[in-house]
Protein backbone atom coordinates (compact mmCIF):
# COMPACT_ATOMS: atom_id res chain seq x y z
CA MET A 1 -161.81 28.51 -194.57
CA ALA A 2 -158.80 30.58 -194.08
CA LYS A 3 -158.14 34.10 -195.39
CA LYS A 4 -155.39 36.41 -196.56
CA HIS A 5 -152.97 37.40 -193.54
CA ASP A 6 -155.10 34.62 -191.19
CA TYR A 7 -152.68 33.15 -188.49
CA VAL A 8 -152.37 29.85 -189.30
CA GLN A 9 -150.32 26.67 -189.44
CA ILE A 10 -149.02 24.52 -191.81
CA HIS A 11 -147.21 21.29 -192.26
CA ARG A 12 -144.13 20.23 -194.26
CA ILE A 13 -142.22 16.78 -195.46
CA VAL A 14 -138.81 18.04 -195.18
CA LEU A 15 -136.88 15.11 -195.52
CA GLU A 16 -138.26 11.44 -196.72
CA PRO A 17 -136.50 8.67 -194.69
CA ASP A 18 -134.32 7.18 -197.18
CA ALA A 19 -133.02 10.88 -197.97
CA ARG A 20 -132.01 11.20 -194.14
CA ALA A 21 -128.17 10.92 -192.59
CA THR A 22 -127.35 7.64 -191.86
CA THR A 23 -125.64 8.48 -188.83
CA ILE A 24 -128.81 9.41 -186.54
CA PRO A 25 -130.62 6.41 -184.61
CA ASP A 26 -132.09 4.05 -187.11
CA ASP A 27 -135.65 4.49 -184.96
CA THR A 28 -135.50 8.15 -186.19
CA ARG A 29 -134.10 7.66 -189.80
CA SER A 30 -136.73 5.09 -190.24
CA VAL A 31 -139.69 8.28 -190.35
CA PRO A 32 -139.56 11.55 -192.10
CA LEU A 33 -138.39 14.74 -190.76
CA GLU A 34 -141.48 16.81 -190.45
CA MET A 35 -142.08 20.88 -190.04
CA TRP A 36 -144.85 22.42 -188.48
CA VAL A 37 -145.08 26.46 -188.70
CA LYS A 38 -146.98 29.36 -188.15
CA GLY A 39 -147.58 32.08 -190.14
CA TYR A 40 -149.77 34.63 -192.09
CA LEU A 41 -151.39 33.48 -194.69
CA ASN A 42 -150.23 34.69 -198.26
CA ASP A 43 -153.02 33.23 -200.50
CA GLU A 44 -155.87 34.87 -201.13
CA THR A 45 -158.45 31.73 -199.60
CA ALA A 46 -157.59 28.63 -198.77
CA ASN A 47 -159.07 25.16 -197.28
CA ILE A 48 -157.50 22.56 -194.74
CA GLY A 49 -155.36 20.52 -197.01
CA ASP A 50 -154.40 23.18 -199.76
CA GLU A 51 -150.62 24.39 -200.40
CA VAL A 52 -150.14 27.24 -199.22
CA SER A 53 -147.36 29.92 -198.38
CA VAL A 54 -147.12 31.89 -195.14
CA ILE A 55 -144.92 34.59 -194.00
CA THR A 56 -143.64 33.48 -190.42
CA ARG A 57 -143.68 36.02 -186.99
CA THR A 58 -139.18 35.83 -188.26
CA GLY A 59 -140.39 37.18 -191.82
CA ARG A 60 -139.45 33.97 -193.69
CA GLN A 61 -141.80 32.86 -196.82
CA VAL A 62 -142.55 29.25 -196.12
CA SER A 63 -144.48 26.81 -197.80
CA GLY A 64 -146.66 23.94 -197.20
CA LYS A 65 -150.12 22.27 -196.73
CA LEU A 66 -152.28 23.85 -194.61
CA VAL A 67 -153.09 22.26 -191.28
CA ASP A 68 -155.07 24.64 -188.90
CA ASP A 69 -156.86 27.62 -190.31
CA ALA A 70 -157.60 29.19 -186.83
CA SER A 71 -154.42 28.25 -185.41
CA HIS A 72 -153.87 29.34 -181.43
CA TYR A 73 -151.68 27.61 -178.66
CA THR A 74 -153.27 25.33 -176.86
CA HIS A 75 -151.31 26.44 -173.39
CA SER A 76 -153.51 27.38 -170.84
CA PHE A 77 -153.31 31.07 -171.73
CA GLY A 78 -156.48 30.80 -174.00
CA ASN A 79 -156.84 31.11 -177.66
CA LEU A 80 -154.52 33.94 -179.95
CA VAL A 81 -155.11 36.95 -179.42
CA PRO A 82 -153.79 39.01 -182.86
CA GLU A 83 -153.60 42.48 -181.19
CA LEU A 84 -150.76 41.31 -179.07
CA LEU A 85 -149.05 40.08 -182.39
CA GLN A 86 -149.23 43.62 -183.60
CA VAL A 87 -148.38 45.12 -180.14
CA GLY A 88 -145.34 42.75 -180.10
CA ASP A 89 -144.25 44.11 -183.62
CA GLN A 90 -144.65 47.89 -182.67
CA VAL A 91 -142.64 47.39 -179.33
CA ARG A 92 -139.71 45.55 -181.13
CA SER A 93 -140.25 49.02 -183.84
CA ILE A 94 -140.08 51.43 -180.42
CA VAL A 95 -137.29 49.37 -178.83
CA PHE A 96 -135.13 48.73 -181.86
CA GLY A 97 -136.22 50.88 -184.20
CA GLU A 98 -136.83 48.19 -186.86
CA GLY A 99 -139.68 48.91 -189.30
CA GLU A 100 -143.25 47.82 -188.59
CA LYS A 101 -144.23 44.89 -189.62
């Protein structure tokens, strides 16, 4: 179960196949346009499959179906370290003078 402010991943269908542009290739047009987004959970709690809202690292609010409640990068650098996300925000604040997130 994910809790508010956990870093999670959501999924949403942006366009169904029949709503896609006719100018794109047939094999592309035959499948939905999908979106996967990572962000901080806005809901108090959520389970995999729940419709939720997240705030992305760039500050956008996006909704979709919760697909990963322990989101991490899958490259060889290992699991997500939440403290490093905060460090990045602090560095940007110091360098660019923006408010902390």
